[in-house]
């Protein structure tokens, strides 16, 4: 594959600067599209986590903590680790 890549790069040098910029833009868009498909998988996984957590709250399985109390507890735990 490295040889093929080198051939593409060499062929690219024969393009005008504007053509090279357009080719680079199109290649970048193709990478973004690959990333977008991965993002759909990530979003789907987060949707599953959110659904599960909401179900735990609604069913009463989740132990809910007041926000201020939670922050106080976290700060205390962090302070204890620093000692």
Protein backbone atom coordinates (compact mmCIF):
# COMPACT_ATOMS: atom_id res chain seq x y z
CA UNK A 1 0.00 0.00 0.00
CA UNK A 2 2.90 2.38 0.66
CA UNK A 3 3.93 2.18 -3.01
CA UNK A 4 0.38 2.92 -4.14
CA UNK A 5 0.20 5.87 -1.76
CA UNK A 6 3.49 7.24 -3.08
CA UNK A 7 2.15 6.96 -6.62
CA UNK A 8 -0.95 8.94 -5.69
CA UNK A 9 1.16 11.63 -4.07
CA UNK A 10 3.43 11.83 -7.13
CA UNK A 11 0.36 12.13 -9.38
CA UNK A 12 -0.93 14.87 -7.11
CA UNK A 13 2.18 16.94 -7.73
CA UNK A 14 1.15 17.18 -11.38
CA UNK A 15 -2.07 18.99 -10.42
CA UNK A 16 -2.38 22.75 -10.27
CA UNK A 17 -2.36 24.32 -6.80
CA UNK A 18 -6.16 24.82 -6.99
CA UNK A 19 -6.67 21.19 -8.01
CA UNK A 20 -4.46 20.02 -5.13
CA UNK A 21 -6.47 22.12 -2.69
CA UNK A 22 -9.71 20.65 -4.02
CA UNK A 23 -8.30 17.11 -3.82
CA UNK A 24 -7.18 17.76 -0.24
CA UNK A 25 -10.62 19.12 0.64
CA UNK A 26 -12.33 16.07 -0.83
CA UNK A 27 -9.99 13.69 1.01
CA UNK A 28 -10.62 15.55 4.27
CA UNK A 29 -14.38 15.27 3.74
CA UNK A 30 -14.02 11.53 3.24
CA UNK A 31 -12.23 11.27 6.60
CA UNK A 32 -14.99 13.30 8.25
CA UNK A 33 -17.59 10.94 6.81
CA UNK A 34 -15.73 7.95 8.26
CA UNK A 35 -15.65 9.72 11.62
CA UNK A 36 -19.35 10.54 11.36
CA UNK A 37 -20.21 6.84 10.99
CA UNK A 38 -18.19 6.08 14.12
CA UNK A 39 -19.97 8.94 15.89
CA UNK A 40 -23.33 7.29 15.15
CA UNK A 41 -22.12 4.17 16.99
CA UNK A 42 -20.92 6.28 19.91
CA UNK A 43 -24.20 8.20 20.04
CA UNK A 44 -26.14 4.93 20.01
CA UNK A 45 -24.10 3.57 22.91
CA UNK A 46 -24.72 6.75 24.92
CA UNK A 47 -28.45 6.52 24.15
CA UNK A 48 -28.42 3.01 25.65
CA UNK A 49 -26.64 4.24 28.78
CA UNK A 50 -29.03 7.16 29.18
CA UNK A 51 -32.07 4.91 28.73
CA UNK A 52 -30.73 2.48 31.34
CA UNK A 53 -30.00 5.23 33.86
CA UNK A 54 -33.40 6.86 33.39
CA UNK A 55 -35.05 3.48 33.90
CA UNK A 56 -33.06 3.01 37.12
CA UNK A 57 -34.22 6.40 38.42
CA UNK A 58 -37.85 5.82 37.45
CA UNK A 59 -37.91 2.32 38.98
CA UNK A 60 -36.31 3.54 42.21
CA UNK A 61 -33.20 1.40 41.78
CA UNK A 62 -30.89 4.42 41.59
CA UNK A 63 -29.76 6.05 44.81
CA UNK A 64 -30.21 9.76 44.22
CA UNK A 65 -28.08 12.30 46.05
CA UNK A 66 -28.62 16.04 46.40
CA UNK A 67 -26.20 17.90 44.12
CA UNK A 68 -24.59 19.92 46.91
CA UNK A 69 -24.23 16.85 49.10
CA UNK A 70 -22.69 14.97 46.21
CA UNK A 71 -20.13 17.69 45.56
CA UNK A 72 -19.28 17.85 49.26
CA UNK A 73 -18.71 14.10 49.30
CA UNK A 74 -16.56 14.19 46.15
CA UNK A 75 -14.44 17.04 47.51
CA UNK A 76 -13.91 15.16 50.76
CA UNK A 77 -12.84 12.02 48.89
CA UNK A 78 -10.42 14.00 46.71
CA UNK A 79 -8.94 15.76 49.73
CA UNK A 80 -8.43 12.40 51.46
CA UNK A 81 -6.54 11.08 48.41
CA UNK A 82 -4.21 14.06 48.35
CA UNK A 83 -3.01 13.40 51.91
